[in-house]
PDB file of all heavy atoms in Angstrom:
ATOM      1  N   ALA A   1       0.856  -1.205   0.003  1.00  0.00           N
ATOM      2  CA  ALA A   1      -0.021  -0.003  -0.014  1.00  0.00           C
ATOM      3  C   ALA A   1       0.867   1.264   0.021  1.00  0.00           C
ATOM      4  O   ALA A   1       0.549   2.223  -0.682  1.00  0.00           O
ATOM      5  CB  ALA A   1      -0.941   0.002   1.202  1.00  0.00           C
ATOM      6  N   PHE A   2       1.945   1.230   0.754  1.00  0.00           N
ATOM      7  CA  PHE A   2       2.893   2.326   0.761  1.00  0.00           C
ATOM      8  C   PHE A   2       3.512   2.554  -0.620  1.00  0.00           C
ATOM      9  O   PHE A   2       3.622   3.659  -1.105  1.00  0.00           O
ATOM     10  CB  PHE A   2       3.986   2.102   1.823  1.00  0.00           C
ATOM     11  CG  PHE A   2       5.001   3.194   1.903  1.00  0.00           C
ATOM     12  CD1 PHE A   2       4.689   4.432   2.363  1.00  0.00           C
ATOM     13  CD2 PHE A   2       6.282   2.946   1.415  1.00  0.00           C
ATOM     14  CE1 PHE A   2       5.650   5.450   2.400  1.00  0.00           C
ATOM     15  CE2 PHE A   2       7.246   3.963   1.435  1.00  0.00           C
ATOM     16  CZ  PHE A   2       6.926   5.201   1.944  1.00  0.00           C
ATOM     17  N   LEU A   3       3.919   1.418  -1.261  1.00  0.00           N
ATOM     18  CA  LEU A   3       4.471   1.528  -2.625  1.00  0.00           C
ATOM     19  C   LEU A   3       3.451   2.100  -3.604  1.00  0.00           C
ATOM     20  O   LEU A   3       3.805   2.928  -4.454  1.00  0.00           O
ATOM     21  CB  LEU A   3       4.965   0.179  -3.096  1.00  0.00           C
ATOM     22  CG  LEU A   3       6.235  -0.357  -2.466  1.00  0.00           C
ATOM     23  CD1 LEU A   3       6.450  -1.802  -2.860  1.00  0.00           C
ATOM     24  CD2 LEU A   3       7.422   0.502  -2.883  1.00  0.00           C
ATOM     25  N   LEU A   4       2.206   1.678  -3.481  1.00  0.00           N
ATOM     26  CA  LEU A   4       1.158   2.200  -4.386  1.00  0.00           C
ATOM     27  C   LEU A   4       0.901   3.703  -4.113  1.00  0.00           C
ATOM     28  O   LEU A   4       0.575   4.418  -5.032  1.00  0.00           O
ATOM     29  CB  LEU A   4      -0.115   1.401  -4.201  1.00  0.00           C
ATOM     30  CG  LEU A   4      -0.100   0.016  -4.856  1.00  0.00           C
ATOM     31  CD1 LEU A   4      -1.368  -0.732  -4.481  1.00  0.00           C
ATOM     32  CD2 LEU A   4       0.051   0.114  -6.337  1.00  0.00           C
ATOM     33  N   ALA A   5       0.971   4.102  -2.847  1.00  0.00           N
ATOM     34  CA  ALA A   5       0.787   5.503  -2.499  1.00  0.00           C
ATOM     35  C   ALA A   5       1.861   6.378  -3.184  1.00  0.00           C
ATOM     36  O   ALA A   5       1.619   7.553  -3.430  1.00  0.00           O
ATOM     37  CB  ALA A   5       0.797   5.702  -0.988  1.00  0.00           C
ATOM     38  N   ILE A   6       3.031   5.830  -3.411  1.00  0.00           N
ATOM     39  CA  ILE A   6       4.079   6.576  -4.110  1.00  0.00           C
ATOM     40  C   ILE A   6       3.929   6.401  -5.632  1.00  0.00           C
ATOM     41  O   ILE A   6       4.054   7.360  -6.390  1.00  0.00           O
ATOM     42  CB  ILE A   6       5.465   6.075  -3.686  1.00  0.00           C
ATOM     43  CG1 ILE A   6       5.679   6.429  -2.211  1.00  0.00           C
ATOM     44  CG2 ILE A   6       6.530   6.690  -4.559  1.00  0.00           C
ATOM     45  CD1 ILE A   6       6.885   5.808  -1.629  1.00  0.00           C
ATOM     46  N   PHE A   7       3.566   5.206  -6.064  1.00  0.00           N
ATOM     47  CA  PHE A   7       3.528   4.878  -7.506  1.00  0.00           C
ATOM     48  C   PHE A   7       2.421   5.623  -8.209  1.00  0.00           C
ATOM     49  O   PHE A   7       2.627   6.087  -9.344  1.00  0.00           O
ATOM     50  CB  PHE A   7       3.340   3.336  -7.650  1.00  0.00           C
ATOM     51  CG  PHE A   7       3.133   2.920  -9.065  1.00  0.00           C
ATOM     52  CD1 PHE A   7       4.163   2.880  -9.962  1.00  0.00           C
ATOM     53  CD2 PHE A   7       1.881   2.560  -9.539  1.00  0.00           C
ATOM     54  CE1 PHE A   7       3.985   2.491 -11.265  1.00  0.00           C
ATOM     55  CE2 PHE A   7       1.659   2.150 -10.831  1.00  0.00           C
ATOM     56  CZ  PHE A   7       2.760   2.129 -11.705  1.00  0.00           C
ATOM     57  N   ILE A   8       1.243   5.693  -7.640  1.00  0.00           N
ATOM     58  CA  ILE A   8       0.047   6.255  -8.348  1.00  0.00           C
ATOM     59  C   ILE A   8       0.247   7.765  -8.658  1.00  0.00           C
ATOM     60  O   ILE A   8       0.123   8.145  -9.813  1.00  0.00           O
ATOM     61  CB  ILE A   8      -1.244   5.995  -7.551  1.00  0.00           C
ATOM     62  CG1 ILE A   8      -1.534   4.484  -7.665  1.00  0.00           C
ATOM     63  CG2 ILE A   8      -2.384   6.802  -8.090  1.00  0.00           C
ATOM     64  CD1 ILE A   8      -2.697   4.023  -6.831  1.00  0.00           C
ATOM     65  N   PRO A   9       0.619   8.614  -7.682  1.00  0.00           N
ATOM     66  CA  PRO A   9       0.829  10.013  -8.075  1.00  0.00           C
ATOM     67  C   PRO A   9       2.008  10.194  -9.029  1.00  0.00           C
ATOM     68  O   PRO A   9       1.947  11.024  -9.939  1.00  0.00           O
ATOM     69  CB  PRO A   9       1.106  10.759  -6.749  1.00  0.00           C
ATOM     70  CG  PRO A   9       0.640   9.825  -5.701  1.00  0.00           C
ATOM     71  CD  PRO A   9       0.693   8.466  -6.239  1.00  0.00           C
ATOM     72  N   PHE A  10       3.074   9.415  -8.794  1.00  0.00           N
ATOM     73  CA  PHE A  10       4.253   9.500  -9.714  1.00  0.00           C
ATOM     74  C   PHE A  10       3.861   9.113 -11.088  1.00  0.00           C
ATOM     75  O   PHE A  10       4.279   9.783 -12.058  1.00  0.00           O
ATOM     76  CB  PHE A  10       5.366   8.573  -9.185  1.00  0.00           C
ATOM     77  CG  PHE A  10       6.582   8.595 -10.003  1.00  0.00           C
ATOM     78  CD1 PHE A  10       7.469   9.631  -9.963  1.00  0.00           C
ATOM     79  CD2 PHE A  10       6.857   7.545 -10.853  1.00  0.00           C
ATOM     80  CE1 PHE A  10       8.603   9.661 -10.736  1.00  0.00           C
ATOM     81  CE2 PHE A  10       7.983   7.580 -11.659  1.00  0.00           C
ATOM     82  CZ  PHE A  10       8.884   8.640 -11.582  1.00  0.00           C
ATOM     83  N   SER A  11       3.050   8.069 -11.278  1.00  0.00           N
ATOM     84  CA  SER A  11       2.578   7.632 -12.560  1.00  0.00           C
ATOM     85  C   SER A  11       1.723   8.739 -13.227  1.00  0.00           C
ATOM     86  O   SER A  11       1.895   8.986 -14.431  1.00  0.00           O
ATOM     87  CB  SER A  11       1.806   6.350 -12.432  1.00  0.00           C
ATOM     88  OG  SER A  11       1.413   5.877 -13.670  1.00  0.00           O
ATOM     89  N   TYR A  12       0.883   9.370 -12.453  1.00  0.00           N
ATOM     90  CA  TYR A  12       0.069  10.467 -13.030  1.00  0.00           C
ATOM     91  C   TYR A  12       0.936  11.612 -13.516  1.00  0.00           C
ATOM     92  O   TYR A  12       0.750  12.123 -14.628  1.00  0.00           O
ATOM     93  CB  TYR A  12      -0.942  11.010 -12.007  1.00  0.00           C
ATOM     94  CG  TYR A  12      -1.778  12.113 -12.553  1.00  0.00           C
ATOM     95  CD1 TYR A  12      -2.880  11.877 -13.345  1.00  0.00           C
ATOM     96  CD2 TYR A  12      -1.467  13.444 -12.249  1.00  0.00           C
ATOM     97  CE1 TYR A  12      -3.635  12.938 -13.868  1.00  0.00           C
ATOM     98  CE2 TYR A  12      -2.199  14.483 -12.768  1.00  0.00           C
ATOM     99  CZ  TYR A  12      -3.297  14.239 -13.572  1.00  0.00           C
ATOM    100  OH  TYR A  12      -4.017  15.248 -14.048  1.00  0.00           O
ATOM    101  N   PHE A  13       1.912  12.008 -12.707  1.00  0.00           N
ATOM    102  CA  PHE A  13       2.756  13.134 -13.067  1.00  0.00           C
ATOM    103  C   PHE A  13       3.687  12.774 -14.281  1.00  0.00           C
ATOM    104  O   PHE A  13       3.949  13.641 -15.109  1.00  0.00           O
ATOM    105  CB  PHE A  13       3.592  13.624 -11.875  1.00  0.00           C
ATOM    106  CG  PHE A  13       2.709  14.245 -10.842  1.00  0.00           C
ATOM    107  CD1 PHE A  13       2.717  13.784  -9.546  1.00  0.00           C
ATOM    108  CD2 PHE A  13       1.898  15.334 -11.138  1.00  0.00           C
ATOM    109  CE1 PHE A  13       1.918  14.361  -8.580  1.00  0.00           C
ATOM    110  CE2 PHE A  13       1.081  15.901 -10.189  1.00  0.00           C
ATOM    111  CZ  PHE A  13       1.104  15.421  -8.891  1.00  0.00           C
ATOM    112  N   MET A  14       4.073  11.555 -14.380  1.00  0.00           N
ATOM    113  CA  MET A  14       4.854  11.119 -15.544  1.00  0.00           C
ATOM    114  C   MET A  14       3.983  11.151 -16.804  1.00  0.00           C
ATOM    115  O   MET A  14       4.428  11.605 -17.881  1.00  0.00           O
ATOM    116  CB  MET A  14       5.431   9.737 -15.360  1.00  0.00           C
ATOM    117  CG  MET A  14       6.549   9.651 -14.371  1.00  0.00           C
ATOM    118  SD  MET A  14       7.921  10.773 -14.802  1.00  0.00           S
ATOM    119  CE  MET A  14       8.469  10.028 -16.325  1.00  0.00           C
ATOM    120  N   ASP A  15       2.731  10.705 -16.699  1.00  0.00           N
ATOM    121  CA  ASP A  15       1.786  10.776 -17.842  1.00  0.00           C
ATOM    122  C   ASP A  15       1.616  12.230 -18.270  1.00  0.00           C
ATOM    123  O   ASP A  15       1.543  12.524 -19.428  1.00  0.00           O
ATOM    124  CB  ASP A  15       0.445  10.139 -17.482  1.00  0.00           C
ATOM    125  CG  ASP A  15       0.464   8.649 -17.467  1.00  0.00           C
ATOM    126  OD1 ASP A  15       1.507   8.083 -17.841  1.00  0.00           O
ATOM    127  OD2 ASP A  15      -0.558   8.050 -17.124  1.00  0.00           O
ATOM    128  N   ARG A  16       1.454  13.087 -17.251  1.00  0.00           N
ATOM    129  CA  ARG A  16       1.243  14.520 -17.550  1.00  0.00           C
ATOM    130  C   ARG A  16       2.473  15.115 -18.222  1.00  0.00           C
ATOM    131  O   ARG A  16       2.364  15.906 -19.171  1.00  0.00           O
ATOM    132  CB  ARG A  16       0.900  15.259 -16.265  1.00  0.00           C
ATOM    133  CG  ARG A  16       0.400  16.670 -16.511  1.00  0.00           C
ATOM    134  CD  ARG A  16      -0.100  17.290 -15.269  1.00  0.00           C
ATOM    135  NE  ARG A  16       0.981  17.628 -14.417  1.00  0.00           N
ATOM    136  CZ  ARG A  16       0.893  18.327 -13.295  1.00  0.00           C
ATOM    137  NH1 ARG A  16      -0.335  18.742 -12.883  1.00  0.00           N
ATOM    138  NH2 ARG A  16       1.918  18.636 -12.590  1.00  0.00           N
ATOM    139  N   LEU A  17       3.656  14.731 -17.769  1.00  0.00           N
ATOM    140  CA  LEU A  17       4.903  15.238 -18.376  1.00  0.00           C
ATOM    141  C   LEU A  17       5.008  14.815 -19.816  1.00  0.00           C
ATOM    142  O   LEU A  17       5.320  15.608 -20.707  1.00  0.00           O
ATOM    143  CB  LEU A  17       6.108  14.715 -17.576  1.00  0.00           C
ATOM    144  CG  LEU A  17       7.469  15.137 -18.066  1.00  0.00           C
ATOM    145  CD1 LEU A  17       7.862  16.458 -17.449  1.00  0.00           C
ATOM    146  CD2 LEU A  17       8.488  14.077 -17.790  1.00  0.00           C
ATOM    147  N   VAL A  18       4.704  13.536 -20.111  1.00  0.00           N
ATOM    148  CA  VAL A  18       4.764  13.022 -21.466  1.00  0.00           C
ATOM    149  C   VAL A  18       3.708  13.734 -22.330  1.00  0.00           C
ATOM    150  O   VAL A  18       3.992  14.128 -23.476  1.00  0.00           O
ATOM    151  CB  VAL A  18       4.603  11.505 -21.477  1.00  0.00           C
ATOM    152  CG1 VAL A  18       4.385  11.012 -22.889  1.00  0.00           C
ATOM    153  CG2 VAL A  18       5.761  10.837 -20.863  1.00  0.00           C
ATOM    154  N   TRP A  19       2.538  13.907 -21.818  1.00  0.00           N
ATOM    155  CA  TRP A  19       1.436  14.539 -22.544  1.00  0.00           C
ATOM    156  C   TRP A  19       1.800  15.989 -22.915  1.00  0.00           C
ATOM    157  O   TRP A  19       1.615  16.410 -24.039  1.00  0.00           O
ATOM    158  CB  TRP A  19       0.128  14.491 -21.756  1.00  0.00           C
ATOM    159  CG  TRP A  19      -0.962  15.273 -22.336  1.00  0.00           C
ATOM    160  CD1 TRP A  19      -1.482  16.433 -21.880  1.00  0.00           C
ATOM    161  CD2 TRP A  19      -1.693  14.964 -23.533  1.00  0.00           C
ATOM    162  NE1 TRP A  19      -2.474  16.919 -22.709  1.00  0.00           N
ATOM    163  CE2 TRP A  19      -2.674  16.029 -23.692  1.00  0.00           C
ATOM    164  CE3 TRP A  19      -1.700  13.926 -24.410  1.00  0.00           C
ATOM    165  CZ2 TRP A  19      -3.547  16.032 -24.768  1.00  0.00           C
ATOM    166  CZ3 TRP A  19      -2.586  13.983 -25.483  1.00  0.00           C
ATOM    167  CH2 TRP A  19      -3.482  15.013 -25.634  1.00  0.00           C
ATOM    168  N   ARG A  20       2.322  16.736 -21.920  1.00  0.00           N
ATOM    169  CA  ARG A  20       2.683  18.152 -22.168  1.00  0.00           C
ATOM    170  C   ARG A  20       3.798  18.245 -23.193  1.00  0.00           C
ATOM    171  O   ARG A  20       3.763  19.134 -24.062  1.00  0.00           O
ATOM    172  CB  ARG A  20       3.046  18.835 -20.862  1.00  0.00           C
ATOM    173  CG  ARG A  20       1.890  19.153 -20.014  1.00  0.00           C
ATOM    174  CD  ARG A  20       2.291  19.882 -18.785  1.00  0.00           C
ATOM    175  NE  ARG A  20       1.171  20.275 -18.013  1.00  0.00           N
ATOM    176  CZ  ARG A  20       1.288  20.887 -16.792  1.00  0.00           C
ATOM    177  NH1 ARG A  20       2.464  21.161 -16.281  1.00  0.00           N
ATOM    178  NH2 ARG A  20       0.199  21.245 -16.159  1.00  0.00           N
ATOM    179  N   SER A  21       4.782  17.381 -23.084  1.00  0.00           N
ATOM    180  CA  SER A  21       5.893  17.478 -24.057  1.00  0.00           C
ATOM    181  C   SER A  21       5.386  17.114 -25.460  1.00  0.00           C
ATOM    182  O   SER A  21       5.842  17.727 -26.415  1.00  0.00           O
ATOM    183  CB  SER A  21       7.029  16.541 -23.650  1.00  0.00           C
ATOM    184  OG  SER A  21       6.618  15.190 -23.711  1.00  0.00           O
ATOM    185  N   GLN A  22       4.453  16.183 -25.569  1.00  0.00           N
ATOM    186  CA  GLN A  22       3.870  15.852 -26.868  1.00  0.00           C
ATOM    187  C   GLN A  22       3.070  17.011 -27.434  1.00  0.00           C
ATOM    188  O   GLN A  22       3.174  17.353 -28.629  1.00  0.00           O
ATOM    189  CB  GLN A  22       2.974  14.608 -26.786  1.00  0.00           C
ATOM    190  CG  GLN A  22       2.269  14.225 -28.034  1.00  0.00           C
ATOM    191  CD  GLN A  22       3.205  13.655 -29.084  1.00  0.00           C
ATOM    192  OE1 GLN A  22       4.327  13.285 -28.785  1.00  0.00           O
ATOM    193  NE2 GLN A  22       2.754  13.541 -30.275  1.00  0.00           N
ATOM    194  N   GLU A  23       2.344  17.671 -26.564  1.00  0.00           N
ATOM    195  CA  GLU A  23       1.557  18.841 -26.996  1.00  0.00           C
ATOM    196  C   GLU A  23       2.460  19.959 -27.475  1.00  0.00           C
ATOM    197  O   GLU A  23       2.194  20.627 -28.469  1.00  0.00           O
ATOM    198  CB  GLU A  23       0.635  19.324 -25.861  1.00  0.00           C
ATOM    199  CG  GLU A  23      -0.505  18.396 -25.590  1.00  0.00           C
ATOM    200  CD  GLU A  23      -1.489  18.311 -26.715  1.00  0.00           C
ATOM    201  OE1 GLU A  23      -1.971  19.338 -27.192  1.00  0.00           O
ATOM    202  OE2 GLU A  23      -1.745  17.167 -27.172  1.00  0.00           O
ATOM    203  N   LYS A  24       3.547  20.207 -26.761  1.00  0.00           N
ATOM    204  CA  LYS A  24       4.509  21.253 -27.163  1.00  0.00           C
ATOM    205  C   LYS A  24       5.124  20.899 -28.493  1.00  0.00           C
ATOM    206  O   LYS A  24       5.316  21.748 -29.366  1.00  0.00           O
ATOM    207  CB  LYS A  24       5.601  21.399 -26.111  1.00  0.00           C
ATOM    208  CG  LYS A  24       5.132  22.097 -24.838  1.00  0.00           C
ATOM    209  CD  LYS A  24       6.270  22.174 -23.866  1.00  0.00           C
ATOM    210  CE  LYS A  24       5.779  22.803 -22.539  1.00  0.00           C
ATOM    211  NZ  LYS A  24       6.872  22.776 -21.533  1.00  0.00           N
ATOM    212  N   ARG A  25       5.482  19.613 -28.702  1.00  0.00           N
ATOM    213  CA  ARG A  25       6.057  19.176 -29.938  1.00  0.00           C
ATOM    214  C   ARG A  25       5.126  19.359 -31.110  1.00  0.00           C
ATOM    215  O   ARG A  25       5.460  19.803 -32.165  1.00  0.00           O
ATOM    216  CB  ARG A  25       6.496  17.719 -29.808  1.00  0.00           C
ATOM    217  CG  ARG A  25       7.489  17.246 -30.842  1.00  0.00           C
ATOM    218  CD  ARG A  25       8.001  15.856 -30.610  1.00  0.00           C
ATOM    219  NE  ARG A  25       8.461  15.650 -29.239  1.00  0.00           N
ATOM    220  CZ  ARG A  25       8.002  14.668 -28.433  1.00  0.00           C
ATOM    221  NH1 ARG A  25       7.079  13.838 -28.869  1.00  0.00           N
ATOM    222  NH2 ARG A  25       8.494  14.553 -27.208  1.00  0.00           N
ATOM    223  N   LEU A  26       3.845  19.021 -30.895  1.00  0.00           N
ATOM    224  CA  LEU A  26       2.832  19.211 -31.930  1.00  0.00           C
ATOM    225  C   LEU A  26       2.599  20.692 -32.263  1.00  0.00           C
ATOM    226  O   LEU A  26       2.440  21.018 -33.393  1.00  0.00           O
ATOM    227  CB  LEU A  26       1.480  18.567 -31.528  1.00  0.00           C
ATOM    228  CG  LEU A  26       1.481  17.015 -31.535  1.00  0.00           C
ATOM    229  CD1 LEU A  26       0.128  16.532 -30.982  1.00  0.00           C
ATOM    230  CD2 LEU A  26       1.687  16.515 -32.956  1.00  0.00           C
ATOM    231  N   ALA A  27       2.607  21.511 -31.209  1.00  0.00           N
ATOM    232  CA  ALA A  27       2.426  22.953 -31.439  1.00  0.00           C
ATOM    233  C   ALA A  27       3.597  23.513 -32.233  1.00  0.00           C
ATOM    234  O   ALA A  27       3.394  24.386 -33.124  1.00  0.00           O
ATOM    235  CB  ALA A  27       2.310  23.672 -30.104  1.00  0.00           C
ATOM    236  N   ARG A  28       4.817  23.011 -31.956  1.00  0.00           N
ATOM    237  CA  ARG A  28       5.958  23.499 -32.729  1.00  0.00           C
ATOM    238  C   ARG A  28       5.908  23.099 -34.185  1.00  0.00           C
ATOM    239  O   ARG A  28       6.226  23.910 -35.071  1.00  0.00           O
ATOM    240  CB  ARG A  28       7.237  22.914 -32.111  1.00  0.00           C
ATOM    241  CG  ARG A  28       8.039  23.933 -31.371  1.00  0.00           C
ATOM    242  CD  ARG A  28       9.379  23.372 -30.930  1.00  0.00           C
ATOM    243  NE  ARG A  28       9.071  22.295 -29.967  1.00  0.00           N
ATOM    244  CZ  ARG A  28       9.898  21.338 -29.612  1.00  0.00           C
ATOM    245  NH1 ARG A  28      11.076  21.284 -30.143  1.00  0.00           N
ATOM    246  NH2 ARG A  28       9.577  20.460 -28.724  1.00  0.00           N
ATOM    247  N   THR A  29       5.465  21.866 -34.435  1.00  0.00           N
ATOM    248  CA  THR A  29       5.430  21.400 -35.814  1.00  0.00           C
ATOM    249  C   THR A  29       4.263  22.069 -36.557  1.00  0.00           C
ATOM    250  O   THR A  29       4.391  22.315 -37.759  1.00  0.00           O
ATOM    251  CB  THR A  29       5.269  19.883 -35.931  1.00  0.00           C
ATOM    252  OG1 THR A  29       4.063  19.466 -35.222  1.00  0.00           O
ATOM    253  CG2 THR A  29       6.449  19.167 -35.352  1.00  0.00           C
ATOM    254  N   LYS A  30       3.179  22.391 -35.900  1.00  0.00           N
ATOM    255  CA  LYS A  30       2.075  23.092 -36.586  1.00  0.00           C
ATOM    256  C   LYS A  30       2.404  24.523 -36.862  1.00  0.00           C
ATOM    257  O   LYS A  30       1.978  25.086 -37.904  1.00  0.00           O
ATOM    258  CB  LYS A  30       0.794  23.031 -35.666  1.00  0.00           C
ATOM    259  CG  LYS A  30       0.123  21.708 -35.662  1.00  0.00           C
ATOM    260  CD  LYS A  30      -1.173  21.728 -34.878  1.00  0.00           C
ATOM    261  CE  LYS A  30      -1.754  20.364 -34.831  1.00  0.00           C
ATOM    262  NZ  LYS A  30      -2.978  20.345 -34.010  1.00  0.00           N
ATOM    263  N   SER A  31       3.224  25.166 -36.021  1.00  0.00           N
ATOM    264  CA  SER A  31       3.603  26.553 -36.272  1.00  0.00           C
ATOM    265  C   SER A  31       4.690  26.662 -37.312  1.00  0.00           C
ATOM    266  O   SER A  31       4.972  27.748 -37.794  1.00  0.00           O
ATOM    267  CB  SER A  31       4.024  27.242 -34.992  1.00  0.00           C
ATOM    268  OG  SER A  31       5.232  26.626 -34.508  1.00  0.00           O
ATOM    269  N   GLY A  32       5.295  25.514 -37.665  1.00  0.00           N
ATOM    270  CA  GLY A  32       6.295  25.487 -38.736  1.00  0.00           C
ATOM    271  C   GLY A  32       7.714  25.636 -38.232  1.00  0.00           C
ATOM    272  O   GLY A  32       8.664  25.389 -38.945  1.00  0.00           O
ATOM    273  N   GLY A  33       7.893  25.938 -36.963  1.00  0.00           N
ATOM    274  CA  GLY A  33       9.267  26.051 -36.418  1.00  0.00           C
ATOM    275  C   GLY A  33       9.694  24.721 -35.821  1.00  0.00           C
ATOM    276  O   GLY A  33       8.893  23.909 -35.356  1.00  0.00           O
ATOM    277  N   ARG A  34      10.980  24.535 -35.850  1.00  0.00           N
ATOM    278  CA  ARG A  34      11.485  23.277 -35.293  1.00  0.00           C
ATOM    279  C   ARG A  34      12.694  23.526 -34.446  1.00  0.00           C
ATOM    280  O   ARG A  34      13.491  24.324 -34.555  1.00  0.00           O
ATOM    281  CB  ARG A  34      11.871  22.307 -36.402  1.00  0.00           C
ATOM    282  CG  ARG A  34      12.038  20.933 -35.741  1.00  0.00           C
ATOM    283  CD  ARG A  34      11.735  19.840 -36.684  1.00  0.00           C
ATOM    284  NE  ARG A  34      11.264  18.788 -35.762  1.00  0.00           N
ATOM    285  CZ  ARG A  34      11.683  17.577 -35.777  1.00  0.00           C
ATOM    286  NH1 ARG A  34      12.531  17.135 -36.575  1.00  0.00           N
ATOM    287  NH2 ARG A  34      11.254  16.711 -34.937  1.00  0.00           N
TER     288      ARG A  34
END
């Protein structure tokens, strides 16, 4: 239970980090700059 209490928020924040970086990458490619 202690491991899950650490794993669940960490997993959410990692998903959020990956999602935001993907969104930034898509925004850069749509604006034409790289």
